[in-house]
């Protein structure tokens, strides 16, 4: 158990480990660390603990490979909201720290319980559970929580809507999905990452380790070594977290028992009010480091 202590909560915590420049305008501000699982609460200064205000919980995007709560200051949202609200954001683990998958990882998760699939989604759930347990102390109403997110954040919410066969345990009463959704998540089986997993093992010298398994060896590798691998664009272990597919979410016994489209068709999705839309100028962030010439712009 972590010992109890009082800390100053006037600044954002460290961001989770990730690539530094996948998209030019989305770079993380500040430092990164494995010790990154923090929750931020922003409320009107005069809020009393008995206010019972609605709560909006933000889940950031970034392709499950990058992103951080520090990028999204909810102060203006709280200031300008027509209905007085409390804003909450969180960090969750990314890339190989949050979504490492392979046949071995899946086997360890089922047999020994010392590994998990979709760890980043579990981080998000833990943050939502924290809100349920603690938001009353900040003047929030645990029964009026709405989750909202963009891109991978929206897809994450889609995963929570599908989790446990659509029984989301009352962690939120509504959802807003921006540029992402439940059905569009290209969920695959963990074994389909075996080739990428083997490539990772090779890159960090765990393919010929004396350890009983690659997984045990990976646990001994320094964080800086993993960070260097993530930054290598041509190693075969890409900055997109060892993947050969559009994202890292995989089928498991929790969030995704089947393909999202199959679960949706079977009605195994949480029945909560939902808004789904797009982000009008999302492409601008990608253009800053992709459109490097007038010709490039004209051909885009």
C-alpha atoms as a PDB file:
ATOM      1  CA  UNK A   1       0.000   0.000   0.000  1.00  0.00           C
ATOM      2  CA  UNK A   2       1.265   3.485  -0.885  1.00  0.00           C
ATOM      3  CA  UNK A   3       1.768   5.573   2.278  1.00  0.00           C
ATOM      4  CA  UNK A   4      -0.575   8.524   2.707  1.00  0.00           C
ATOM      5  CA  UNK A   5       0.925  11.974   2.221  1.00  0.00           C
ATOM      6  CA  UNK A   6      -0.133  15.512   1.392  1.00  0.00           C
ATOM      7  CA  UNK A   7       1.080  16.940  -1.911  1.00  0.00           C
ATOM      8  CA  UNK A   8       0.651  20.266  -3.669  1.00  0.00           C
ATOM      9  CA  UNK A   9      -1.924  19.829  -6.424  1.00  0.00           C
ATOM     10  CA  UNK A  10      -1.413  23.167  -8.148  1.00  0.00           C
ATOM     11  CA  UNK A  11       0.286  21.721 -11.231  1.00  0.00           C
ATOM     12  CA  UNK A  12      -0.332  18.832 -13.608  1.00  0.00           C
ATOM     13  CA  UNK A  13       1.432  15.549 -12.965  1.00  0.00           C
ATOM     14  CA  UNK A  14       3.925  13.881 -15.270  1.00  0.00           C
ATOM     15  CA  UNK A  15       2.693  12.576 -18.615  1.00  0.00           C
ATOM     16  CA  UNK A  16       2.824   8.892 -19.501  1.00  0.00           C
ATOM     17  CA  UNK A  17       5.749   7.636 -21.576  1.00  0.00           C
ATOM     18  CA  UNK A  18       5.238   8.168 -25.303  1.00  0.00           C
ATOM     19  CA  UNK A  19       6.833   9.270 -28.525  1.00  0.00           C
ATOM     20  CA  UNK A  20       7.783  12.928 -28.555  1.00  0.00           C
ATOM     21  CA  UNK A  21       6.726  14.154 -31.975  1.00  0.00           C
ATOM     22  CA  UNK A  22       4.243  11.876 -33.735  1.00  0.00           C
ATOM     23  CA  UNK A  23       2.172  14.894 -34.735  1.00  0.00           C
ATOM     24  CA  UNK A  24       3.861  18.279 -34.737  1.00  0.00           C
ATOM     25  CA  UNK A  25       1.292  20.365 -32.884  1.00  0.00           C
ATOM     26  CA  UNK A  26       0.393  17.635 -30.384  1.00  0.00           C
ATOM     27  CA  UNK A  27       3.712  17.423 -28.560  1.00  0.00           C
ATOM     28  CA  UNK A  28       3.618  16.711 -24.854  1.00  0.00           C
ATOM     29  CA  UNK A  29       4.421  19.610 -22.608  1.00  0.00           C
ATOM     30  CA  UNK A  30       6.561  18.690 -19.628  1.00  0.00           C
ATOM     31  CA  UNK A  31       8.195  15.456 -18.580  1.00  0.00           C
ATOM     32  CA  UNK A  32       7.150  11.832 -18.973  1.00  0.00           C
ATOM     33  CA  UNK A  33       7.318   9.019 -16.454  1.00  0.00           C
ATOM     34  CA  UNK A  34       5.931   5.600 -15.620  1.00  0.00           C
ATOM     35  CA  UNK A  35       4.497   7.279 -12.515  1.00  0.00           C
ATOM     36  CA  UNK A  36       1.886   9.158 -14.515  1.00  0.00           C
ATOM     37  CA  UNK A  37      -1.568   7.987 -13.443  1.00  0.00           C
ATOM     38  CA  UNK A  38      -3.096  11.171 -12.094  1.00  0.00           C
ATOM     39  CA  UNK A  39      -6.542  12.779 -12.127  1.00  0.00           C
ATOM     40  CA  UNK A  40      -7.161  16.524 -12.461  1.00  0.00           C
ATOM     41  CA  UNK A  41     -10.227  18.316 -11.078  1.00  0.00           C
ATOM     42  CA  UNK A  42     -11.123  21.867 -12.130  1.00  0.00           C
ATOM     43  CA  UNK A  43     -14.133  23.590 -10.568  1.00  0.00           C
ATOM     44  CA  UNK A  44     -15.414  27.141 -10.021  1.00  0.00           C
ATOM     45  CA  UNK A  45     -13.460  28.761  -7.187  1.00  0.00           C
ATOM     46  CA  UNK A  46     -16.528  29.343  -5.038  1.00  0.00           C
ATOM     47  CA  UNK A  47     -17.820  25.769  -5.246  1.00  0.00           C
ATOM     48  CA  UNK A  48     -18.957  24.242  -1.971  1.00  0.00           C
ATOM     49  CA  UNK A  49     -18.635  20.514  -1.354  1.00  0.00           C
ATOM     50  CA  UNK A  50     -22.434  20.295  -1.195  1.00  0.00           C
ATOM     51  CA  UNK A  51     -22.966  21.894  -4.647  1.00  0.00           C
ATOM     52  CA  UNK A  52     -23.795  18.640  -6.473  1.00  0.00           C
ATOM     53  CA  UNK A  53     -22.567  19.975  -9.839  1.00  0.00           C
ATOM     54  CA  UNK A  54     -22.608  17.945 -13.078  1.00  0.00           C
ATOM     55  CA  UNK A  55     -19.227  16.458 -13.985  1.00  0.00           C
ATOM     56  CA  UNK A  56     -17.578  16.173 -17.408  1.00  0.00           C
ATOM     57  CA  UNK A  57     -14.697  13.693 -17.635  1.00  0.00           C
ATOM     58  CA  UNK A  58     -12.283  14.127 -20.557  1.00  0.00           C
ATOM     59  CA  UNK A  59     -10.328  11.255 -22.168  1.00  0.00           C
ATOM     60  CA  UNK A  60      -7.654  12.456 -24.586  1.00  0.00           C
ATOM     61  CA  UNK A  61      -6.807  11.008 -27.973  1.00  0.00           C
ATOM     62  CA  UNK A  62      -3.507  10.344 -29.705  1.00  0.00           C
ATOM     63  CA  UNK A  63      -3.823   6.974 -31.395  1.00  0.00           C
ATOM     64  CA  UNK A  64      -3.201   5.132 -28.104  1.00  0.00           C
ATOM     65  CA  UNK A  65       0.457   6.122 -28.573  1.00  0.00           C
ATOM     66  CA  UNK A  66       0.595   9.727 -27.375  1.00  0.00           C
ATOM     67  CA  UNK A  67      -1.431  12.272 -25.428  1.00  0.00           C
ATOM     68  CA  UNK A  68      -1.636  13.795 -21.966  1.00  0.00           C
ATOM     69  CA  UNK A  69      -4.132  15.570 -19.757  1.00  0.00           C
ATOM     70  CA  UNK A  70      -1.788  18.569 -19.484  1.00  0.00           C
ATOM     71  CA  UNK A  71      -2.589  19.431 -23.110  1.00  0.00           C
ATOM     72  CA  UNK A  72      -6.210  20.144 -22.276  1.00  0.00           C
ATOM     73  CA  UNK A  73      -6.802  22.866 -19.720  1.00  0.00           C
ATOM     74  CA  UNK A  74     -10.458  22.622 -18.749  1.00  0.00           C
ATOM     75  CA  UNK A  75     -10.517  26.025 -17.067  1.00  0.00           C
ATOM     76  CA  UNK A  76     -12.127  27.828 -20.001  1.00  0.00           C
ATOM     77  CA  UNK A  77     -14.739  25.113 -20.357  1.00  0.00           C
ATOM     78  CA  UNK A  78     -15.667  25.563 -16.712  1.00  0.00           C
ATOM     79  CA  UNK A  79     -15.686  29.365 -17.039  1.00  0.00           C
ATOM     80  CA  UNK A  80     -17.816  29.512 -20.187  1.00  0.00           C
ATOM     81  CA  UNK A  81     -20.213  26.633 -19.582  1.00  0.00           C
ATOM     82  CA  UNK A  82     -23.848  27.742 -19.583  1.00  0.00           C
ATOM     83  CA  UNK A  83     -24.461  25.162 -16.873  1.00  0.00           C
ATOM     84  CA  UNK A  84     -21.969  25.252 -14.014  1.00  0.00           C
ATOM     85  CA  UNK A  85     -19.851  22.097 -14.194  1.00  0.00           C
ATOM     86  CA  UNK A  86     -16.784  20.398 -12.805  1.00  0.00           C
ATOM     87  CA  UNK A  87     -14.141  19.256 -15.308  1.00  0.00           C
ATOM     88  CA  UNK A  88     -12.084  16.121 -14.718  1.00  0.00           C
ATOM     89  CA  UNK A  89      -9.253  14.740 -16.842  1.00  0.00           C
ATOM     90  CA  UNK A  90      -6.883  11.817 -16.462  1.00  0.00           C
ATOM     91  CA  UNK A  91      -3.719  10.247 -17.784  1.00  0.00           C
ATOM     92  CA  UNK A  92      -3.630   6.658 -18.975  1.00  0.00           C
ATOM     93  CA  UNK A  93      -0.766   4.456 -20.122  1.00  0.00           C
ATOM     94  CA  UNK A  94       0.052   4.446 -23.824  1.00  0.00           C
ATOM     95  CA  UNK A  95       1.755   2.363 -26.530  1.00  0.00           C
ATOM     96  CA  UNK A  96       3.623  -0.692 -25.207  1.00  0.00           C
ATOM     97  CA  UNK A  97       3.109   0.409 -21.589  1.00  0.00           C
ATOM     98  CA  UNK A  98      -0.656   0.529 -21.981  1.00  0.00           C
ATOM     99  CA  UNK A  99      -1.440  -1.821 -24.835  1.00  0.00           C
ATOM    100  CA  UNK A 100       1.276  -4.449 -25.110  1.00  0.00           C
ATOM    101  CA  UNK A 101      -0.261  -7.595 -26.563  1.00  0.00           C
ATOM    102  CA  UNK A 102       0.803 -11.040 -27.746  1.00  0.00           C
ATOM    103  CA  UNK A 103      -0.087 -14.677 -27.227  1.00  0.00           C
ATOM    104  CA  UNK A 104       2.299 -14.794 -24.271  1.00  0.00           C
ATOM    105  CA  UNK A 105       0.843 -11.698 -22.614  1.00  0.00           C
ATOM    106  CA  UNK A 106      -2.669 -13.094 -23.053  1.00  0.00           C
ATOM    107  CA  UNK A 107      -1.615 -16.454 -21.599  1.00  0.00           C
ATOM    108  CA  UNK A 108       0.020 -14.795 -18.585  1.00  0.00           C
ATOM    109  CA  UNK A 109      -3.080 -12.696 -18.009  1.00  0.00           C
ATOM    110  CA  UNK A 110      -5.255 -15.804 -17.879  1.00  0.00           C
ATOM    111  CA  UNK A 111      -2.935 -18.225 -16.072  1.00  0.00           C
ATOM    112  CA  UNK A 112      -0.848 -16.189 -13.634  1.00  0.00           C
ATOM    113  CA  UNK A 113      -2.679 -12.886 -13.510  1.00  0.00           C
ATOM    114  CA  UNK A 114       0.596 -10.935 -13.567  1.00  0.00           C
ATOM    115  CA  UNK A 115      -0.162  -9.361 -16.942  1.00  0.00           C
ATOM    116  CA  UNK A 116      -3.161  -7.636 -18.488  1.00  0.00           C
ATOM    117  CA  UNK A 117      -4.420  -6.753 -21.917  1.00  0.00           C
ATOM    118  CA  UNK A 118      -5.692  -3.222 -22.613  1.00  0.00           C
ATOM    119  CA  UNK A 119      -4.028  -1.793 -19.501  1.00  0.00           C
ATOM    120  CA  UNK A 120      -4.664   1.749 -20.734  1.00  0.00           C
ATOM    121  CA  UNK A 121      -8.404   1.141 -20.734  1.00  0.00           C
ATOM    122  CA  UNK A 122      -8.167  -0.246 -17.206  1.00  0.00           C
ATOM    123  CA  UNK A 123      -6.395   2.967 -16.174  1.00  0.00           C
ATOM    124  CA  UNK A 124      -9.333   4.951 -17.531  1.00  0.00           C
ATOM    125  CA  UNK A 125     -11.815   2.781 -15.665  1.00  0.00           C
ATOM    126  CA  UNK A 126      -9.868   3.243 -12.441  1.00  0.00           C
ATOM    127  CA  UNK A 127     -10.036   7.019 -12.915  1.00  0.00           C
ATOM    128  CA  UNK A 128     -13.804   6.809 -13.461  1.00  0.00           C
ATOM    129  CA  UNK A 129     -14.121   4.714 -10.306  1.00  0.00           C
ATOM    130  CA  UNK A 130     -12.083   7.355  -8.463  1.00  0.00           C
ATOM    131  CA  UNK A 131     -14.553   9.992  -9.631  1.00  0.00           C
ATOM    132  CA  UNK A 132     -17.444   7.931  -8.285  1.00  0.00           C
ATOM    133  CA  UNK A 133     -15.758   7.606  -4.896  1.00  0.00           C
ATOM    134  CA  UNK A 134     -14.377  11.117  -4.506  1.00  0.00           C
ATOM    135  CA  UNK A 135     -16.097  13.735  -6.663  1.00  0.00           C
ATOM    136  CA  UNK A 136     -18.663  14.539  -3.960  1.00  0.00           C
ATOM    137  CA  UNK A 137     -15.861  16.067  -1.883  1.00  0.00           C
ATOM    138  CA  UNK A 138     -15.219  18.542  -4.706  1.00  0.00           C
ATOM    139  CA  UNK A 139     -18.869  19.528  -5.028  1.00  0.00           C
ATOM    140  CA  UNK A 140     -19.653  17.156  -7.879  1.00  0.00           C
ATOM    141  CA  UNK A 141     -22.559  14.782  -8.330  1.00  0.00           C
ATOM    142  CA  UNK A 142     -21.480  11.198  -8.970  1.00  0.00           C
ATOM    143  CA  UNK A 143     -24.845  10.516 -10.594  1.00  0.00           C
ATOM    144  CA  UNK A 144     -24.328  13.262 -13.191  1.00  0.00           C
ATOM    145  CA  UNK A 145     -21.068  12.204 -14.820  1.00  0.00           C
ATOM    146  CA  UNK A 146     -20.671  12.508 -18.604  1.00  0.00           C
ATOM    147  CA  UNK A 147     -17.546  11.182 -20.334  1.00  0.00           C
ATOM    148  CA  UNK A 148     -16.258  12.853 -23.480  1.00  0.00           C
ATOM    149  CA  UNK A 149     -13.231  12.252 -25.662  1.00  0.00           C
ATOM    150  CA  UNK A 150     -11.709  12.697 -29.092  1.00  0.00           C
ATOM    151  CA  UNK A 151     -10.172  10.205 -31.536  1.00  0.00           C
ATOM    152  CA  UNK A 152      -8.589   7.451 -29.400  1.00  0.00           C
ATOM    153  CA  UNK A 153     -10.380   9.040 -26.449  1.00  0.00           C
ATOM    154  CA  UNK A 154     -13.698   8.575 -28.227  1.00  0.00           C
ATOM    155  CA  UNK A 155     -12.762   5.013 -29.164  1.00  0.00           C
ATOM    156  CA  UNK A 156     -11.870   4.408 -25.520  1.00  0.00           C
ATOM    157  CA  UNK A 157     -15.330   5.548 -24.491  1.00  0.00           C
ATOM    158  CA  UNK A 158     -16.689   3.191 -27.130  1.00  0.00           C
ATOM    159  CA  UNK A 159     -14.798   0.400 -25.380  1.00  0.00           C
ATOM    160  CA  UNK A 160     -16.301   1.353 -22.014  1.00  0.00           C
ATOM    161  CA  UNK A 161     -19.770   1.306 -23.569  1.00  0.00           C
ATOM    162  CA  UNK A 162     -19.105  -2.243 -24.780  1.00  0.00           C
ATOM    163  CA  UNK A 163     -17.330  -3.494 -21.651  1.00  0.00           C
ATOM    164  CA  UNK A 164     -18.803  -6.347 -19.642  1.00  0.00           C
ATOM    165  CA  UNK A 165     -21.308  -7.008 -22.419  1.00  0.00           C
ATOM    166  CA  UNK A 166     -22.652  -3.462 -22.184  1.00  0.00           C
ATOM    167  CA  UNK A 167     -22.903  -3.258 -18.388  1.00  0.00           C
ATOM    168  CA  UNK A 168     -20.759  -0.227 -17.595  1.00  0.00           C
ATOM    169  CA  UNK A 169     -21.337  -0.365 -13.812  1.00  0.00           C
ATOM    170  CA  UNK A 170     -22.875   3.090 -13.547  1.00  0.00           C
ATOM    171  CA  UNK A 171     -19.585   4.931 -13.994  1.00  0.00           C
ATOM    172  CA  UNK A 172     -21.241   7.564 -16.203  1.00  0.00           C
ATOM    173  CA  UNK A 173     -24.726   8.532 -17.314  1.00  0.00           C
ATOM    174  CA  UNK A 174     -23.890   9.893 -20.785  1.00  0.00           C
ATOM    175  CA  UNK A 175     -21.158   9.934 -23.418  1.00  0.00           C
ATOM    176  CA  UNK A 176     -19.867  12.329 -26.081  1.00  0.00           C
ATOM    177  CA  UNK A 177     -17.685  10.758 -28.766  1.00  0.00           C
ATOM    178  CA  UNK A 178     -15.735  13.101 -31.061  1.00  0.00           C
ATOM    179  CA  UNK A 179     -14.107  11.594 -34.177  1.00  0.00           C
ATOM    180  CA  UNK A 180     -14.408   8.041 -32.924  1.00  0.00           C
ATOM    181  CA  UNK A 181     -16.929   5.497 -31.738  1.00  0.00           C
ATOM    182  CA  UNK A 182     -17.691   1.970 -30.630  1.00  0.00           C
ATOM    183  CA  UNK A 183     -18.072   0.257 -33.985  1.00  0.00           C
ATOM    184  CA  UNK A 184     -15.027   1.797 -35.665  1.00  0.00           C
ATOM    185  CA  UNK A 185     -12.519   0.270 -33.256  1.00  0.00           C
ATOM    186  CA  UNK A 186     -10.475  -2.264 -35.280  1.00  0.00           C
ATOM    187  CA  UNK A 187     -10.141  -4.728 -32.406  1.00  0.00           C
ATOM    188  CA  UNK A 188      -7.996  -7.761 -33.172  1.00  0.00           C
ATOM    189  CA  UNK A 189      -6.777 -10.803 -31.257  1.00  0.00           C
ATOM    190  CA  UNK A 190      -3.651 -10.572 -29.126  1.00  0.00           C
ATOM    191  CA  UNK A 191      -1.895 -13.277 -31.149  1.00  0.00           C
ATOM    192  CA  UNK A 192      -1.909 -11.011 -34.185  1.00  0.00           C
ATOM    193  CA  UNK A 193       0.742  -8.925 -32.433  1.00  0.00           C
ATOM    194  CA  UNK A 194       3.142 -11.861 -32.047  1.00  0.00           C
ATOM    195  CA  UNK A 195       5.398 -10.685 -34.887  1.00  0.00           C
ATOM    196  CA  UNK A 196       5.665  -7.185 -33.421  1.00  0.00           C
ATOM    197  CA  UNK A 197       6.198  -8.664 -29.959  1.00  0.00           C
ATOM    198  CA  UNK A 198       9.072 -10.774 -31.290  1.00  0.00           C
ATOM    199  CA  UNK A 199      10.557  -7.712 -32.967  1.00  0.00           C
ATOM    200  CA  UNK A 200      10.413  -5.815 -29.683  1.00  0.00           C
ATOM    201  CA  UNK A 201      12.132  -8.707 -27.902  1.00  0.00           C
ATOM    202  CA  UNK A 202      14.884  -8.641 -30.507  1.00  0.00           C
ATOM    203  CA  UNK A 203      15.377  -4.882 -30.223  1.00  0.00           C
ATOM    204  CA  UNK A 204      15.847  -5.025 -26.436  1.00  0.00           C
ATOM    205  CA  UNK A 205      17.867  -8.275 -26.398  1.00  0.00           C
ATOM    206  CA  UNK A 206      15.125 -10.418 -24.889  1.00  0.00           C
ATOM    207  CA  UNK A 207      14.883 -12.871 -27.778  1.00  0.00           C
ATOM    208  CA  UNK A 208      17.842 -14.900 -26.494  1.00  0.00           C
ATOM    209  CA  UNK A 209      17.419 -14.165 -22.810  1.00  0.00           C
ATOM    210  CA  UNK A 210      18.050 -16.736 -20.097  1.00  0.00           C
ATOM    211  CA  UNK A 211      14.755 -15.687 -18.490  1.00  0.00           C
ATOM    212  CA  UNK A 212      11.938 -18.212 -18.454  1.00  0.00           C
ATOM    213  CA  UNK A 213       9.992 -16.090 -20.926  1.00  0.00           C
ATOM    214  CA  UNK A 214      10.235 -13.020 -23.114  1.00  0.00           C
ATOM    215  CA  UNK A 215       7.686 -11.349 -20.858  1.00  0.00           C
ATOM    216  CA  UNK A 216       9.861 -11.846 -17.761  1.00  0.00           C
ATOM    217  CA  UNK A 217      12.825 -10.417 -19.620  1.00  0.00           C
ATOM    218  CA  UNK A 218      10.865  -7.382 -20.822  1.00  0.00           C
ATOM    219  CA  UNK A 219      10.053  -6.535 -17.213  1.00  0.00           C
ATOM    220  CA  UNK A 220      13.778  -6.059 -16.528  1.00  0.00           C
ATOM    221  CA  UNK A 221      14.404  -3.682 -19.435  1.00  0.00           C
ATOM    222  CA  UNK A 222      15.037  -0.036 -18.417  1.00  0.00           C
ATOM    223  CA  UNK A 223      12.399   2.490 -19.418  1.00  0.00           C
ATOM    224  CA  UNK A 224      14.949   4.519 -21.367  1.00  0.00           C
ATOM    225  CA  UNK A 225      15.605   1.512 -23.592  1.00  0.00           C
ATOM    226  CA  UNK A 226      11.916   1.175 -24.420  1.00  0.00           C
ATOM    227  CA  UNK A 227      11.716   4.906 -25.050  1.00  0.00           C
ATOM    228  CA  UNK A 228      14.569   4.680 -27.557  1.00  0.00           C
ATOM    229  CA  UNK A 229      12.830   1.829 -29.362  1.00  0.00           C
ATOM    230  CA  UNK A 230       9.597   3.804 -29.596  1.00  0.00           C
ATOM    231  CA  UNK A 231      11.482   6.673 -31.204  1.00  0.00           C
ATOM    232  CA  UNK A 232      12.935   4.475 -33.927  1.00  0.00           C
ATOM    233  CA  UNK A 233      10.849   4.960 -37.038  1.00  0.00           C
ATOM    234  CA  UNK A 234      12.520   2.305 -39.180  1.00  0.00           C
ATOM    235  CA  UNK A 235      13.128  -0.520 -36.755  1.00  0.00           C
ATOM    236  CA  UNK A 236       9.938  -2.394 -37.572  1.00  0.00           C
ATOM    237  CA  UNK A 237       8.819  -1.602 -34.039  1.00  0.00           C
ATOM    238  CA  UNK A 238       7.089   1.617 -34.956  1.00  0.00           C
ATOM    239  CA  UNK A 239       6.307   4.714 -32.959  1.00  0.00           C
ATOM    240  CA  UNK A 240       2.736   3.440 -33.051  1.00  0.00           C
ATOM    241  CA  UNK A 241       3.547   0.955 -30.324  1.00  0.00           C
ATOM    242  CA  UNK A 242       4.725  -2.235 -31.975  1.00  0.00           C
ATOM    243  CA  UNK A 243       1.673  -2.556 -34.088  1.00  0.00           C
ATOM    244  CA  UNK A 244       0.921  -3.587 -37.611  1.00  0.00           C
ATOM    245  CA  UNK A 245      -2.728  -2.553 -37.300  1.00  0.00           C
ATOM    246  CA  UNK A 246      -4.576   0.764 -36.752  1.00  0.00           C
ATOM    247  CA  UNK A 247      -4.490   0.628 -32.958  1.00  0.00           C
ATOM    248  CA  UNK A 248      -3.562  -1.464 -29.975  1.00  0.00           C
ATOM    249  CA  UNK A 249      -6.897  -2.397 -28.416  1.00  0.00           C
ATOM    250  CA  UNK A 250      -7.343  -6.171 -28.488  1.00  0.00           C
ATOM    251  CA  UNK A 251     -10.035  -8.695 -27.684  1.00  0.00           C
ATOM    252  CA  UNK A 252     -10.081  -9.707 -24.033  1.00  0.00           C
ATOM    253  CA  UNK A 253     -12.487 -11.032 -21.410  1.00  0.00           C
ATOM    254  CA  UNK A 254     -13.521  -7.579 -20.270  1.00  0.00           C
ATOM    255  CA  UNK A 255     -13.883  -4.748 -22.767  1.00  0.00           C
ATOM    256  CA  UNK A 256     -14.074  -6.675 -26.023  1.00  0.00           C
ATOM    257  CA  UNK A 257     -15.433 -10.208 -25.920  1.00  0.00           C
ATOM    258  CA  UNK A 258     -16.012 -10.029 -29.666  1.00  0.00           C
ATOM    259  CA  UNK A 259     -15.652  -7.609 -32.543  1.00  0.00           C
ATOM    260  CA  UNK A 260     -17.334  -4.292 -31.681  1.00  0.00           C
ATOM    261  CA  UNK A 261     -19.675  -4.546 -34.676  1.00  0.00           C
ATOM    262  CA  UNK A 262     -20.851  -7.980 -33.514  1.00  0.00           C
ATOM    263  CA  UNK A 263     -21.396  -6.792 -29.935  1.00  0.00           C
ATOM    264  CA  UNK A 264     -23.278  -3.731 -31.160  1.00  0.00           C
ATOM    265  CA  UNK A 265     -25.495  -5.846 -33.417  1.00  0.00           C
ATOM    266  CA  UNK A 266     -26.283  -8.132 -30.468  1.00  0.00           C
ATOM    267  CA  UNK A 267     -27.286  -5.136 -28.366  1.00  0.00           C
ATOM    268  CA  UNK A 268     -24.431  -5.640 -25.915  1.00  0.00           C
ATOM    269  CA  UNK A 269     -23.721  -1.948 -25.467  1.00  0.00           C
ATOM    270  CA  UNK A 270     -24.534   0.380 -22.581  1.00  0.00           C
ATOM    271  CA  UNK A 271     -27.844   2.186 -23.053  1.00  0.00           C
ATOM    272  CA  UNK A 272     -26.908   5.751 -22.122  1.00  0.00           C
ATOM    273  CA  UNK A 273     -27.596   9.051 -23.942  1.00  0.00           C
ATOM    274  CA  UNK A 274     -24.820   9.462 -26.504  1.00  0.00           C
ATOM    275  CA  UNK A 275     -23.638  12.210 -28.859  1.00  0.00           C
ATOM    276  CA  UNK A 276     -21.362  11.233 -31.755  1.00  0.00           C
ATOM    277  CA  UNK A 277     -19.678  13.751 -34.037  1.00  0.00           C
ATOM    278  CA  UNK A 278     -16.451  14.889 -35.669  1.00  0.00           C
ATOM    279  CA  UNK A 279     -13.783  17.495 -34.970  1.00  0.00           C
ATOM    280  CA  UNK A 280     -13.920  20.146 -37.691  1.00  0.00           C
ATOM    281  CA  UNK A 281     -10.259  21.212 -37.740  1.00  0.00           C
ATOM    282  CA  UNK A 282      -8.563  18.064 -36.470  1.00  0.00           C
ATOM    283  CA  UNK A 283      -6.502  17.740 -39.652  1.00  0.00           C
ATOM    284  CA  UNK A 284      -4.716  21.025 -39.005  1.00  0.00           C
ATOM    285  CA  UNK A 285      -2.542  19.365 -36.391  1.00  0.00           C
ATOM    286  CA  UNK A 286      -1.326  16.791 -38.883  1.00  0.00           C
ATOM    287  CA  UNK A 287      -0.692  19.353 -41.597  1.00  0.00           C
ATOM    288  CA  UNK A 288       1.973  21.285 -39.722  1.00  0.00           C
ATOM    289  CA  UNK A 289       4.615  18.622 -40.266  1.00  0.00           C
ATOM    290  CA  UNK A 290       3.173  16.888 -43.340  1.00  0.00           C
ATOM    291  CA  UNK A 291       2.602  19.797 -45.729  1.00  0.00           C
ATOM    292  CA  UNK A 292       6.203  20.908 -46.077  1.00  0.00           C
ATOM    293  CA  UNK A 293       5.989  22.519 -49.517  1.00  0.00           C
ATOM    294  CA  UNK A 294       3.540  24.249 -51.828  1.00  0.00           C
ATOM    295  CA  UNK A 295       3.575  21.240 -54.147  1.00  0.00           C
ATOM    296  CA  UNK A 296       2.867  18.939 -51.228  1.00  0.00           C
ATOM    297  CA  UNK A 297      -0.049  21.151 -50.244  1.00  0.00           C
ATOM    298  CA  UNK A 298      -1.491  21.215 -53.782  1.00  0.00           C
ATOM    299  CA  UNK A 299      -1.288  17.437 -54.063  1.00  0.00           C
ATOM    300  CA  UNK A 300      -2.897  16.800 -50.695  1.00  0.00           C
END
